[in-house]
Amino acid sequence: MGVPRILVMFFIAIAMAVFVVWEKNKIIEIGYQVAKLQRNCDELSEANRKLNYYVGRLKTPENIVYKVQSLKLPLILQEDSPGTMVAGYMKLKENAVKANQNKDLYTQKGPSLNCCSLHY
């Protein structure tokens, strides 16, 4: 009876040792995956920072004016302010009013009657 009991204990000890080694290898493998993902995250963060810098440069008024002028895009004046900066040139509201015969630039309709303060 003593020998089978010792063999069972020996096999249990061997199984536990194999399990511990297997777990240790899994931990190391997951550690490598985490390190790889961290490097990937750092690279993507750097690329994102560079792209944000590039977007910021493209949003500058000087760059927008240059692109509008180089592509010869048509410009529409806004009626909200007396003078509007359009493509680097100051256009006055009076020029827009004369050109459009008192019509709204966006709807091309004549001025509407404002009978009360709700219609402003």
PDB file of N, CA and C in Angstrom:
ATOM      1  N   MET A   1       0.798  -1.198   0.000  1.00  0.00           N
ATOM      2  CA  MET A   1       0.000   0.000   0.000  1.00  0.00           C
ATOM      3  C   MET A   1       0.844   1.266   0.000  1.00  0.00           C
ATOM      4  N   GLY A   2       2.002   1.215   0.481  1.00  0.00           N
ATOM      5  CA  GLY A   2       2.833   2.394   0.574  1.00  0.00           C
ATOM      6  C   GLY A   2       3.380   2.841  -0.767  1.00  0.00           C
ATOM      7  N   VAL A   3       3.683   1.900  -1.677  1.00  0.00           N
ATOM      8  CA  VAL A   3       4.274   2.250  -2.965  1.00  0.00           C
ATOM      9  C   VAL A   3       3.258   2.942  -3.876  1.00  0.00           C
ATOM     10  N   PRO A   4       2.019   2.417  -4.006  1.00  0.00           N
ATOM     11  CA  PRO A   4       1.072   3.136  -4.868  1.00  0.00           C
ATOM     12  C   PRO A   4       0.771   4.544  -4.342  1.00  0.00           C
ATOM     13  N   ARG A   5       0.757   4.689  -3.038  1.00  0.00           N
ATOM     14  CA  ARG A   5       0.493   6.015  -2.455  1.00  0.00           C
ATOM     15  C   ARG A   5       1.624   6.970  -2.815  1.00  0.00           C
ATOM     16  N   ILE A   6       2.840   6.520  -2.766  1.00  0.00           N
ATOM     17  CA  ILE A   6       4.005   7.352  -3.102  1.00  0.00           C
ATOM     18  C   ILE A   6       3.960   7.701  -4.591  1.00  0.00           C
ATOM     19  N   LEU A   7       3.591   6.719  -5.448  1.00  0.00           N
ATOM     20  CA  LEU A   7       3.490   6.990  -6.885  1.00  0.00           C
ATOM     21  C   LEU A   7       2.404   8.022  -7.197  1.00  0.00           C
ATOM     22  N   VAL A   8       1.262   7.941  -6.510  1.00  0.00           N
ATOM     23  CA  VAL A   8       0.190   8.919  -6.704  1.00  0.00           C
ATOM     24  C   VAL A   8       0.677  10.295  -6.300  1.00  0.00           C
ATOM     25  N   MET A   9       1.357  10.398  -5.164  1.00  0.00           N
ATOM     26  CA  MET A   9       1.889  11.691  -4.708  1.00  0.00           C
ATOM     27  C   MET A   9       2.943  12.212  -5.702  1.00  0.00           C
ATOM     28  N   PHE A  10       3.766  11.302  -6.238  1.00  0.00           N
ATOM     29  CA  PHE A  10       4.781  11.681  -7.207  1.00  0.00           C
ATOM     30  C   PHE A  10       4.138  12.217  -8.484  1.00  0.00           C
ATOM     31  N   PHE A  11       3.116  11.554  -8.986  1.00  0.00           N
ATOM     32  CA  PHE A  11       2.421  12.009 -10.195  1.00  0.00           C
ATOM     33  C   PHE A  11       1.693  13.335  -9.962  1.00  0.00           C
ATOM     34  N   ILE A  12       1.142  13.512  -8.776  1.00  0.00           N
ATOM     35  CA  ILE A  12       0.500  14.799  -8.448  1.00  0.00           C
ATOM     36  C   ILE A  12       1.546  15.906  -8.429  1.00  0.00           C
ATOM     37  N   ALA A  13       2.702  15.637  -7.846  1.00  0.00           N
ATOM     38  CA  ALA A  13       3.786  16.630  -7.795  1.00  0.00           C
ATOM     39  C   ALA A  13       4.265  16.958  -9.209  1.00  0.00           C
ATOM     40  N   ILE A  14       4.401  15.934 -10.054  1.00  0.00           N
ATOM     41  CA  ILE A  14       4.825  16.151 -11.440  1.00  0.00           C
ATOM     42  C   ILE A  14       3.769  16.979 -12.185  1.00  0.00           C
ATOM     43  N   ALA A  15       2.491  16.665 -12.020  1.00  0.00           N
ATOM     44  CA  ALA A  15       1.418  17.405 -12.678  1.00  0.00           C
ATOM     45  C   ALA A  15       1.420  18.862 -12.233  1.00  0.00           C
ATOM     46  N   MET A  16       1.611  19.100 -10.955  1.00  0.00           N
ATOM     47  CA  MET A  16       1.665  20.475 -10.443  1.00  0.00           C
ATOM     48  C   MET A  16       2.866  21.221 -11.010  1.00  0.00           C
ATOM     49  N   ALA A  17       4.019  20.540 -11.119  1.00  0.00           N
ATOM     50  CA  ALA A  17       5.218  21.174 -11.678  1.00  0.00           C
ATOM     51  C   ALA A  17       4.991  21.535 -13.144  1.00  0.00           C
ATOM     52  N   VAL A  18       4.363  20.629 -13.910  1.00  0.00           N
ATOM     53  CA  VAL A  18       4.061  20.915 -15.311  1.00  0.00           C
ATOM     54  C   VAL A  18       3.098  22.091 -15.410  1.00  0.00           C
ATOM     55  N   PHE A  19       2.095  22.120 -14.544  1.00  0.00           N
ATOM     56  CA  PHE A  19       1.137  23.225 -14.549  1.00  0.00           C
ATOM     57  C   PHE A  19       1.829  24.552 -14.237  1.00  0.00           C
ATOM     58  N   VAL A  20       2.733  24.565 -13.259  1.00  0.00           N
ATOM     59  CA  VAL A  20       3.454  25.795 -12.894  1.00  0.00           C
ATOM     60  C   VAL A  20       4.311  26.269 -14.067  1.00  0.00           C
ATOM     61  N   VAL A  21       5.011  25.368 -14.718  1.00  0.00           N
ATOM     62  CA  VAL A  21       5.851  25.734 -15.859  1.00  0.00           C
ATOM     63  C   VAL A  21       4.993  26.262 -17.006  1.00  0.00           C
ATOM     64  N   TRP A  22       3.866  25.595 -17.258  1.00  0.00           N
ATOM     65  CA  TRP A  22       2.963  26.040 -18.322  1.00  0.00           C
ATOM     66  C   TRP A  22       2.440  27.446 -18.026  1.00  0.00           C
ATOM     67  N   GLU A  23       2.034  27.697 -16.774  1.00  0.00           N
ATOM     68  CA  GLU A  23       1.554  29.025 -16.382  1.00  0.00           C
ATOM     69  C   GLU A  23       2.643  30.077 -16.526  1.00  0.00           C
ATOM     70  N   LYS A  24       3.863  29.738 -16.156  1.00  0.00           N
ATOM     71  CA  LYS A  24       4.976  30.684 -16.264  1.00  0.00           C
ATOM     72  C   LYS A  24       5.221  31.043 -17.733  1.00  0.00           C
ATOM     73  N   ASN A  25       5.161  30.055 -18.617  1.00  0.00           N
ATOM     74  CA  ASN A  25       5.333  30.321 -20.049  1.00  0.00           C
ATOM     75  C   ASN A  25       4.206  31.194 -20.592  1.00  0.00           C
ATOM     76  N   LYS A  26       2.981  30.959 -20.130  1.00  0.00           N
ATOM     77  CA  LYS A  26       1.852  31.795 -20.558  1.00  0.00           C
ATOM     78  C   LYS A  26       2.054  33.239 -20.113  1.00  0.00           C
ATOM     79  N   ILE A  27       2.528  33.434 -18.887  1.00  0.00           N
ATOM     80  CA  ILE A  27       2.764  34.790 -18.373  1.00  0.00           C
ATOM     81  C   ILE A  27       3.826  35.492 -19.207  1.00  0.00           C
ATOM     82  N   ILE A  28       4.895  34.787 -19.549  1.00  0.00           N
ATOM     83  CA  ILE A  28       5.956  35.377 -20.367  1.00  0.00           C
ATOM     84  C   ILE A  28       5.427  35.718 -21.760  1.00  0.00           C
ATOM     85  N   GLU A  29       4.644  34.828 -22.343  1.00  0.00           N
ATOM     86  CA  GLU A  29       4.070  35.074 -23.669  1.00  0.00           C
ATOM     87  C   GLU A  29       3.151  36.295 -23.654  1.00  0.00           C
ATOM     88  N   ILE A  30       2.322  36.410 -22.637  1.00  0.00           N
ATOM     89  CA  ILE A  30       1.428  37.572 -22.521  1.00  0.00           C
ATOM     90  C   ILE A  30       2.240  38.844 -22.298  1.00  0.00           C
ATOM     91  N   GLY A  31       3.339  38.745 -21.561  1.00  0.00           N
ATOM     92  CA  GLY A  31       4.223  39.897 -21.362  1.00  0.00           C
ATOM     93  C   GLY A  31       4.790  40.403 -22.681  1.00  0.00           C
ATOM     94  N   TYR A  32       5.196  39.460 -23.549  1.00  0.00           N
ATOM     95  CA  TYR A  32       5.694  39.859 -24.870  1.00  0.00           C
ATOM     96  C   TYR A  32       4.600  40.523 -25.698  1.00  0.00           C
ATOM     97  N   GLN A  33       3.393  40.015 -25.614  1.00  0.00           N
ATOM     98  CA  GLN A  33       2.282  40.618 -26.350  1.00  0.00           C
ATOM     99  C   GLN A  33       1.991  42.029 -25.842  1.00  0.00           C
ATOM    100  N   VAL A  34       2.052  42.203 -24.517  1.00  0.00           N
ATOM    101  CA  VAL A  34       1.816  43.534 -23.941  1.00  0.00           C
ATOM    102  C   VAL A  34       2.898  44.509 -24.402  1.00  0.00           C
ATOM    103  N   ALA A  35       4.155  44.065 -24.413  1.00  0.00           N
ATOM    104  CA  ALA A  35       5.245  44.933 -24.857  1.00  0.00           C
ATOM    105  C   ALA A  35       5.063  45.314 -26.328  1.00  0.00           C
ATOM    106  N   LYS A  36       4.642  44.354 -27.153  1.00  0.00           N
ATOM    107  CA  LYS A  36       4.415  44.633 -28.571  1.00  0.00           C
ATOM    108  C   LYS A  36       3.274  45.632 -28.748  1.00  0.00           C
ATOM    109  N   LEU A  37       2.191  45.453 -28.000  1.00  0.00           N
ATOM    110  CA  LEU A  37       1.065  46.383 -28.083  1.00  0.00           C
ATOM    111  C   LEU A  37       1.450  47.770 -27.574  1.00  0.00           C
ATOM    112  N   GLN A  38       2.304  47.833 -26.557  1.00  0.00           N
ATOM    113  CA  GLN A  38       2.755  49.127 -26.038  1.00  0.00           C
ATOM    114  C   GLN A  38       3.586  49.858 -27.088  1.00  0.00           C
ATOM    115  N   ARG A  39       4.485  49.131 -27.767  1.00  0.00           N
ATOM    116  CA  ARG A  39       5.267  49.751 -28.846  1.00  0.00           C
ATOM    117  C   ARG A  39       4.350  50.249 -29.956  1.00  0.00           C
ATOM    118  N   ASN A  40       3.359  49.425 -30.315  1.00  0.00           N
ATOM    119  CA  ASN A  40       2.399  49.809 -31.355  1.00  0.00           C
ATOM    120  C   ASN A  40       1.634  51.062 -30.933  1.00  0.00           C
ATOM    121  N   CYS A  41       1.229  51.107 -29.675  1.00  0.00           N
ATOM    122  CA  CYS A  41       0.503  52.276 -29.160  1.00  0.00           C
ATOM    123  C   CYS A  41       1.381  53.516 -29.201  1.00  0.00           C
ATOM    124  N   ASP A  42       2.660  53.372 -28.822  1.00  0.00           N
ATOM    125  CA  ASP A  42       3.578  54.510 -28.864  1.00  0.00           C
ATOM    126  C   ASP A  42       3.776  55.010 -30.291  1.00  0.00           C
ATOM    127  N   GLU A  43       3.910  54.064 -31.243  1.00  0.00           N
ATOM    128  CA  GLU A  43       4.075  54.462 -32.639  1.00  0.00           C
ATOM    129  C   GLU A  43       2.831  55.179 -33.161  1.00  0.00           C
ATOM    130  N   LEU A  44       1.648  54.665 -32.807  1.00  0.00           N
ATOM    131  CA  LEU A  44       0.408  55.303 -33.257  1.00  0.00           C
ATOM    132  C   LEU A  44       0.223  56.669 -32.606  1.00  0.00           C
ATOM    133  N   SER A  45       0.619  56.794 -31.341  1.00  0.00           N
ATOM    134  CA  SER A  45       0.529  58.097 -30.675  1.00  0.00           C
ATOM    135  C   SER A  45       1.435  59.116 -31.349  1.00  0.00           C
ATOM    136  N   GLU A  46       2.632  58.697 -31.730  1.00  0.00           N
ATOM    137  CA  GLU A  46       3.559  59.594 -32.426  1.00  0.00           C
ATOM    138  C   GLU A  46       3.006  59.982 -33.797  1.00  0.00           C
ATOM    139  N   ALA A  47       2.450  59.002 -34.509  1.00  0.00           N
ATOM    140  CA  ALA A  47       1.853  59.306 -35.820  1.00  0.00           C
ATOM    141  C   ALA A  47       0.669  60.250 -35.652  1.00  0.00           C
ATOM    142  N   ASN A  48      -0.143  60.056 -34.618  1.00  0.00           N
ATOM    143  CA  ASN A  48      -1.279  60.931 -34.349  1.00  0.00           C
ATOM    144  C   ASN A  48      -0.811  62.349 -34.033  1.00  0.00           C
ATOM    145  N   ARG A  49       0.260  62.468 -33.266  1.00  0.00           N
ATOM    146  CA  ARG A  49       0.802  63.788 -32.936  1.00  0.00           C
ATOM    147  C   ARG A  49       1.273  64.494 -34.203  1.00  0.00           C
ATOM    148  N   LYS A  50       1.955  63.756 -35.082  1.00  0.00           N
ATOM    149  CA  LYS A  50       2.431  64.355 -36.337  1.00  0.00           C
ATOM    150  C   LYS A  50       1.263  64.774 -37.225  1.00  0.00           C
ATOM    151  N   LEU A  51       0.233  63.928 -37.304  1.00  0.00           N
ATOM    152  CA  LEU A  51      -0.932  64.268 -38.121  1.00  0.00           C
ATOM    153  C   LEU A  51      -1.675  65.482 -37.559  1.00  0.00           C
ATOM    154  N   ASN A  52      -1.794  65.576 -36.232  1.00  0.00           N
ATOM    155  CA  ASN A  52      -2.438  66.752 -35.627  1.00  0.00           C
ATOM    156  C   ASN A  52      -1.649  68.020 -35.930  1.00  0.00           C
ATOM    157  N   TYR A  53      -0.329  67.923 -35.921  1.00  0.00           N
ATOM    158  CA  TYR A  53       0.497  69.075 -36.262  1.00  0.00           C
ATOM    159  C   TYR A  53       0.258  69.469 -37.727  1.00  0.00           C
ATOM    160  N   TYR A  54       0.202  68.468 -38.626  1.00  0.00           N
ATOM    161  CA  TYR A  54      -0.026  68.733 -40.039  1.00  0.00           C
ATOM    162  C   TYR A  54      -1.407  69.348 -40.264  1.00  0.00           C
ATOM    163  N   VAL A  55      -2.418  68.842 -39.576  1.00  0.00           N
ATOM    164  CA  VAL A  55      -3.774  69.389 -39.688  1.00  0.00           C
ATOM    165  C   VAL A  55      -3.784  70.834 -39.193  1.00  0.00           C
ATOM    166  N   GLY A  56      -3.099  71.080 -38.094  1.00  0.00           N
ATOM    167  CA  GLY A  56      -3.023  72.450 -37.575  1.00  0.00           C
ATOM    168  C   GLY A  56      -2.386  73.396 -38.574  1.00  0.00           C
ATOM    169  N   ARG A  57      -1.343  72.932 -39.252  1.00  0.00           N
ATOM    170  CA  ARG A  57      -0.702  73.765 -40.272  1.00  0.00           C
ATOM    171  C   ARG A  57      -1.646  74.014 -41.442  1.00  0.00           C
ATOM    172  N   LEU A  58      -2.429  73.006 -41.827  1.00  0.00           N
ATOM    173  CA  LEU A  58      -3.356  73.174 -42.944  1.00  0.00           C
ATOM    174  C   LEU A  58      -4.513  74.103 -42.602  1.00  0.00           C
ATOM    175  N   LYS A  59      -4.832  74.234 -41.321  1.00  0.00           N
ATOM    176  CA  LYS A  59      -5.951  75.082 -40.909  1.00  0.00           C
ATOM    177  C   LYS A  59      -5.570  76.550 -40.763  1.00  0.00           C
ATOM    178  N   THR A  60      -4.315  76.905 -40.937  1.00  0.00           N
ATOM    179  CA  THR A  60      -3.925  78.301 -40.785  1.00  0.00           C
ATOM    180  C   THR A  60      -4.585  79.143 -41.871  1.00  0.00           C
ATOM    181  N   PRO A  61      -4.966  80.363 -41.534  1.00  0.00           N
ATOM    182  CA  PRO A  61      -5.620  81.233 -42.530  1.00  0.00           C
ATOM    183  C   PRO A  61      -4.761  81.466 -43.773  1.00  0.00           C
ATOM    184  N   GLU A  62      -3.457  81.583 -43.601  1.00  0.00           N
ATOM    185  CA  GLU A  62      -2.593  81.827 -44.751  1.00  0.00           C
ATOM    186  C   GLU A  62      -2.643  80.649 -45.723  1.00  0.00           C
ATOM    187  N   ASN A  63      -2.638  79.450 -45.187  1.00  0.00           N
ATOM    188  CA  ASN A  63      -2.686  78.263 -46.037  1.00  0.00           C
ATOM    189  C   ASN A  63      -4.045  78.144 -46.728  1.00  0.00           C
ATOM    190  N   ILE A  64      -5.102  78.463 -46.020  1.00  0.00           N
ATOM    191  CA  ILE A  64      -6.438  78.410 -46.609  1.00  0.00           C
ATOM    192  C   ILE A  64      -6.557  79.432 -47.743  1.00  0.00           C
ATOM    193  N   VAL A  65      -6.045  80.639 -47.502  1.00  0.00           N
ATOM    194  CA  VAL A  65      -6.075  81.687 -48.540  1.00  0.00           C
ATOM    195  C   VAL A  65      -5.290  81.223 -49.758  1.00  0.00           C
ATOM    196  N   TYR A  66      -4.132  80.649 -49.526  1.00  0.00           N
ATOM    197  CA  TYR A  66      -3.303  80.163 -50.649  1.00  0.00           C
ATOM    198  C   TYR A  66      -4.037  79.089 -51.441  1.00  0.00           C
ATOM    199  N   LYS A  67      -4.659  78.144 -50.754  1.00  0.00           N
ATOM    200  CA  LYS A  67      -5.368  77.062 -51.449  1.00  0.00           C
ATOM    201  C   LYS A  67      -6.558  77.603 -52.236  1.00  0.00           C
ATOM    202  N   VAL A  68      -7.304  78.536 -51.635  1.00  0.00           N
ATOM    203  CA  VAL A  68      -8.462  79.113 -52.327  1.00  0.00           C
ATOM    204  C   VAL A  68      -8.011  79.855 -53.580  1.00  0.00           C
ATOM    205  N   GLN A  69      -6.931  80.626 -53.454  1.00  0.00           N
ATOM    206  CA  GLN A  69      -6.454  81.377 -54.612  1.00  0.00           C
ATOM    207  C   GLN A  69      -5.860  80.457 -55.673  1.00  0.00           C
ATOM    208  N   SER A  70      -5.150  79.433 -55.267  1.00  0.00           N
ATOM    209  CA  SER A  70      -4.525  78.545 -56.257  1.00  0.00           C
ATOM    210  C   SER A  70      -5.557  77.676 -56.971  1.00  0.00           C
ATOM    211  N   LEU A  71      -6.656  77.335 -56.289  1.00  0.00           N
ATOM    212  CA  LEU A  71      -7.701  76.531 -56.920  1.00  0.00           C
ATOM    213  C   LEU A  71      -8.769  77.387 -57.601  1.00  0.00           C
ATOM    214  N   LYS A  72      -8.673  78.708 -57.446  1.00  0.00           N
ATOM    215  CA  LYS A  72      -9.610  79.665 -58.046  1.00  0.00           C
ATOM    216  C   LYS A  72     -11.053  79.323 -57.689  1.00  0.00           C
ATOM    217  N   LEU A  73     -11.293  79.145 -56.387  1.00  0.00           N
ATOM    218  CA  LEU A  73     -12.636  78.813 -55.915  1.00  0.00           C
ATOM    219  C   LEU A  73     -13.501  80.066 -55.852  1.00  0.00           C
ATOM    220  N   PRO A  74     -14.778  79.956 -56.192  1.00  0.00           N
ATOM    221  CA  PRO A  74     -15.674  81.114 -56.068  1.00  0.00           C
ATOM    222  C   PRO A  74     -15.959  81.375 -54.591  1.00  0.00           C
ATOM    223  N   LEU A  75     -16.054  82.638 -54.242  1.00  0.00           N
ATOM    224  CA  LEU A  75     -16.274  83.009 -52.846  1.00  0.00           C
ATOM    225  C   LEU A  75     -17.602  83.724 -52.703  1.00  0.00           C
ATOM    226  N   ILE A  76     -18.279  83.498 -51.590  1.00  0.00           N
ATOM    227  CA  ILE A  76     -19.547  84.150 -51.288  1.00  0.00           C
ATOM    228  C   ILE A  76     -19.345  84.962 -50.022  1.00  0.00           C
ATOM    229  N   LEU A  77     -19.723  86.228 -50.083  1.00  0.00           N
ATOM    230  CA  LEU A  77     -19.593  87.092 -48.918  1.00  0.00           C
ATOM    231  C   LEU A  77     -20.687  86.800 -47.910  1.00  0.00           C
ATOM    232  N   GLN A  78     -20.355  86.971 -46.643  1.00  0.00           N
ATOM    233  CA  GLN A  78     -21.355  86.821 -45.592  1.00  0.00           C
ATOM    234  C   GLN A  78     -21.924  88.197 -45.273  1.00  0.00           C
ATOM    235  N   GLU A  79     -23.206  88.274 -44.993  1.00  0.00           N
ATOM    236  CA  GLU A  79     -23.861  89.543 -44.727  1.00  0.00           C
ATOM    237  C   GLU A  79     -23.863  89.892 -43.249  1.00  0.00           C
ATOM    238  N   ASP A  80     -23.282  89.061 -42.393  1.00  0.00           N
ATOM    239  CA  ASP A  80     -23.354  89.267 -40.955  1.00  0.00           C
ATOM    240  C   ASP A  80     -22.495  90.419 -40.476  1.00  0.00           C
ATOM    241  N   SER A  81     -21.401  90.706 -41.152  1.00  0.00           N
ATOM    242  CA  SER A  81     -20.501  91.754 -40.683  1.00  0.00           C
ATOM    243  C   SER A  81     -20.316  92.798 -41.780  1.00  0.00           C
ATOM    244  N   PRO A  82     -19.943  94.042 -41.406  1.00  0.00           N
ATOM    245  CA  PRO A  82     -19.774  95.083 -42.419  1.00  0.00           C
ATOM    246  C   PRO A  82     -18.639  94.761 -43.378  1.00  0.00           C
ATOM    247  N   GLY A  83     -17.606  94.117 -42.935  1.00  0.00           N
ATOM    248  CA  GLY A  83     -16.512  93.729 -43.815  1.00  0.00           C
ATOM    249  C   GLY A  83     -16.122  92.301 -43.491  1.00  0.00           C
ATOM    250  N   THR A  84     -15.948  91.496 -44.508  1.00  0.00           N
ATOM    251  CA  THR A  84     -15.626  90.093 -44.292  1.00  0.00           C
ATOM    252  C   THR A  84     -14.313  89.785 -44.996  1.00  0.00           C
ATOM    253  N   MET A  85     -13.424  89.081 -44.286  1.00  0.00           N
ATOM    254  CA  MET A  85     -12.158  88.698 -44.883  1.00  0.00           C
ATOM    255  C   MET A  85     -12.402  87.486 -45.774  1.00  0.00           C
ATOM    256  N   VAL A  86     -12.183  87.663 -47.063  1.00  0.00           N
ATOM    257  CA  VAL A  86     -12.403  86.576 -48.004  1.00  0.00           C
ATOM    258  C   VAL A  86     -11.148  86.447 -48.858  1.00  0.00           C
ATOM    259  N   ALA A  87     -10.510  85.295 -48.778  1.00  0.00           N
ATOM    260  CA  ALA A  87      -9.322  84.989 -49.571  1.00  0.00           C
ATOM    261  C   ALA A  87      -8.257  86.067 -49.433  1.00  0.00           C
ATOM    262  N   GLY A  88      -8.123  86.619 -48.234  1.00  0.00           N
ATOM    263  CA  GLY A  88      -7.074  87.580 -47.982  1.00  0.00           C
ATOM    264  C   GLY A  88      -7.416  89.008 -48.377  1.00  0.00           C
ATOM    265  N   TYR A  89      -8.582  89.264 -48.916  1.00  0.00           N
ATOM    266  CA  TYR A  89      -8.979  90.603 -49.331  1.00  0.00           C
ATOM    267  C   TYR A  89     -10.206  91.031 -48.557  1.00  0.00           C
ATOM    268  N   MET A  90     -10.255  92.303 -48.187  1.00  0.00           N
ATOM    269  CA  MET A  90     -11.397  92.826 -47.455  1.00  0.00           C
ATOM    270  C   MET A  90     -12.460  93.278 -48.446  1.00  0.00           C
ATOM    271  N   LYS A  91     -13.630  92.663 -48.328  1.00  0.00           N
ATOM    272  CA  LYS A  91     -14.759  93.043 -49.179  1.00  0.00           C
ATOM    273  C   LYS A  91     -15.766  93.783 -48.300  1.00  0.00           C
ATOM    274  N   LEU A  92     -16.282  94.868 -48.785  1.00  0.00           N
ATOM    275  CA  LEU A  92     -17.226  95.648 -48.011  1.00  0.00           C
ATOM    276  C   LEU A  92     -18.650  95.223 -48.301  1.00  0.00           C
ATOM    277  N   LYS A  93     -19.481  95.402 -47.318  1.00  0.00           N
ATOM    278  CA  LYS A  93     -20.877  94.987 -47.427  1.00  0.00           C
ATOM    279  C   LYS A  93     -21.611  95.787 -48.505  1.00  0.00           C
ATOM    280  N   GLU A  94     -21.199  97.015 -48.715  1.00  0.00           N
ATOM    281  CA  GLU A  94     -21.875  97.840 -49.713  1.00  0.00           C
ATOM    282  C   GLU A  94     -21.723  97.245 -51.118  1.00  0.00           C
ATOM    283  N   ASN A  95     -20.572  96.668 -51.420  1.00  0.00           N
ATOM    284  CA  ASN A  95     -20.370  96.053 -52.735  1.00  0.00           C
ATOM    285  C   ASN A  95     -21.335  94.898 -52.937  1.00  0.00           C
ATOM    286  N   ALA A  96     -21.547  94.127 -51.899  1.00  0.00           N
ATOM    287  CA  ALA A  96     -22.461  92.990 -52.009  1.00  0.00           C
ATOM    288  C   ALA A  96     -23.892  93.468 -52.175  1.00  0.00           C
ATOM    289  N   VAL A  97     -24.253  94.541 -51.483  1.00  0.00           N
ATOM    290  CA  VAL A  97     -25.619  95.057 -51.587  1.00  0.00           C
ATOM    291  C   VAL A  97     -25.864  95.599 -52.988  1.00  0.00           C
ATOM    292  N   LYS A  98     -24.915  96.329 -53.565  1.00  0.00           N
ATOM    293  CA  LYS A  98     -25.093  96.865 -54.915  1.00  0.00           C
ATOM    294  C   LYS A  98     -25.170  95.746 -55.941  1.00  0.00           C
ATOM    295  N   ALA A  99     -24.359  94.745 -55.789  1.00  0.00           N
ATOM    296  CA  ALA A  99     -24.312  93.664 -56.772  1.00  0.00           C
ATOM    297  C   ALA A  99     -25.577  92.823 -56.752  1.00  0.00           C
ATOM    298  N   ASN A 100     -26.192  92.683 -55.606  1.00  0.00           N
ATOM    299  CA  ASN A 100     -27.338  91.790 -55.486  1.00  0.00           C
ATOM    300  C   ASN A 100     -28.664  92.526 -55.344  1.00  0.00           C
ATOM    301  N   GLN A 101     -28.688  93.834 -55.530  1.00  0.00           N
ATOM    302  CA  GLN A 101     -29.916  94.616 -55.497  1.00  0.00           C
ATOM    303  C   GLN A 101     -30.742  94.318 -54.240  1.00  0.00           C
ATOM    304  N   ASN A 102     -30.120  94.419 -53.095  1.00  0.00           N
ATOM    305  CA  ASN A 102     -30.757  94.199 -51.791  1.00  0.00           C
ATOM    306  C   ASN A 102     -31.318  92.781 -51.621  1.00  0.00           C
ATOM    307  N   LYS A 103     -30.710  91.816 -52.232  1.00  0.00           N
ATOM    308  CA  LYS A 103     -31.142  90.430 -52.071  1.00  0.00           C
ATOM    309  C   LYS A 103     -30.193  89.718 -51.112  1.00  0.00           C
ATOM    310  N   ASP A 104     -30.729  88.738 -50.440  1.00  0.00           N
ATOM    311  CA  ASP A 104     -29.917  87.936 -49.543  1.00  0.00           C
ATOM    312  C   ASP A 104     -28.978  87.075 -50.387  1.00  0.00           C
ATOM    313  N   LEU A 105     -27.699  86.979 -49.994  1.00  0.00           N
ATOM    314  CA  LEU A 105     -26.726  86.234 -50.784  1.00  0.00           C
ATOM    315  C   LEU A 105     -26.997  84.737 -50.805  1.00  0.00           C
ATOM    316  N   TYR A 106     -27.601  84.213 -49.763  1.00  0.00           N
ATOM    317  CA  TYR A 106     -27.791  82.763 -49.675  1.00  0.00           C
ATOM    318  C   TYR A 106     -29.107  82.303 -50.293  1.00  0.00           C
ATOM    319  N   THR A 107     -30.170  83.082 -50.121  1.00  0.00           N
ATOM    320  CA  THR A 107     -31.471  82.664 -50.632  1.00  0.00           C
ATOM    321  C   THR A 107     -31.854  83.380 -51.910  1.00  0.00           C
ATOM    322  N   GLN A 108     -31.160  84.482 -52.242  1.00  0.00           N
ATOM    323  CA  GLN A 108     -31.463  85.308 -53.401  1.00  0.00           C
ATOM    324  C   GLN A 108     -32.899  85.832 -53.366  1.00  0.00           C
ATOM    325  N   LYS A 109     -33.422  86.092 -52.165  1.00  0.00           N
ATOM    326  CA  LYS A 109     -34.754  86.657 -52.005  1.00  0.00           C
ATOM    327  C   LYS A 109     -34.611  88.094 -51.529  1.00  0.00           C
ATOM    328  N   GLY A 110     -35.638  88.872 -51.817  1.00  0.00           N
ATOM    329  CA  GLY A 110     -35.644  90.252 -51.363  1.00  0.00           C
ATOM    330  C   GLY A 110     -35.853  90.325 -49.861  1.00  0.00           C
ATOM    331  N   PRO A 111     -35.620  91.484 -49.249  1.00  0.00           N
ATOM    332  CA  PRO A 111     -35.797  91.610 -47.804  1.00  0.00           C
ATOM    333  C   PRO A 111     -37.264  91.403 -47.424  1.00  0.00           C
ATOM    334  N   SER A 112     -37.478  90.712 -46.336  1.00  0.00           N
ATOM    335  CA  SER A 112     -38.843  90.446 -45.893  1.00  0.00           C
ATOM    336  C   SER A 112     -39.275  91.517 -44.889  1.00  0.00           C
ATOM    337  N   LEU A 113     -40.579  91.664 -44.729  1.00  0.00           N
ATOM    338  CA  LEU A 113     -41.098  92.633 -43.790  1.00  0.00           C
ATOM    339  C   LEU A 113     -40.990  92.081 -42.365  1.00  0.00           C
ATOM    340  N   ASN A 114     -40.508  92.909 -41.481  1.00  0.00           N
ATOM    341  CA  ASN A 114     -40.400  92.512 -40.084  1.00  0.00           C
ATOM    342  C   ASN A 114     -41.456  93.274 -39.303  1.00  0.00           C
ATOM    343  N   CYS A 115     -42.585  92.625 -39.070  1.00  0.00           N
ATOM    344  CA  CYS A 115     -43.685  93.314 -38.409  1.00  0.00           C
ATOM    345  C   CYS A 115     -43.541  93.287 -36.888  1.00  0.00           C
ATOM    346  N   CYS A 116     -42.782  92.394 -36.349  1.00  0.00           N
ATOM    347  CA  CYS A 116     -42.597  92.350 -34.908  1.00  0.00           C
ATOM    348  C   CYS A 116     -41.206  91.818 -34.586  1.00  0.00           C
ATOM    349  N   SER A 117     -40.857  91.788 -33.304  1.00  0.00           N
ATOM    350  CA  SER A 117     -39.514  91.390 -32.916  1.00  0.00           C
ATOM    351  C   SER A 117     -39.272  89.891 -33.117  1.00  0.00           C
ATOM    352  N   LEU A 118     -40.270  89.110 -33.401  1.00  0.00           N
ATOM    353  CA  LEU A 118     -40.092  87.669 -33.596  1.00  0.00           C
ATOM    354  C   LEU A 118     -39.492  87.342 -34.972  1.00  0.00           C
ATOM    355  N   HIS A 119     -39.529  88.294 -35.905  1.00  0.00           N
ATOM    356  CA  HIS A 119     -39.069  88.022 -37.261  1.00  0.00           C
ATOM    357  C   HIS A 119     -37.648  88.444 -37.529  1.00  0.00           C
ATOM    358  N   TYR A 120     -36.920  88.812 -36.543  1.00  0.00           N
ATOM    359  CA  TYR A 120     -35.532  89.256 -36.788  1.00  0.00           C
ATOM    360  C   TYR A 120     -34.628  88.116 -37.081  1.00  0.00           C
TER     361      TYR A 120
END
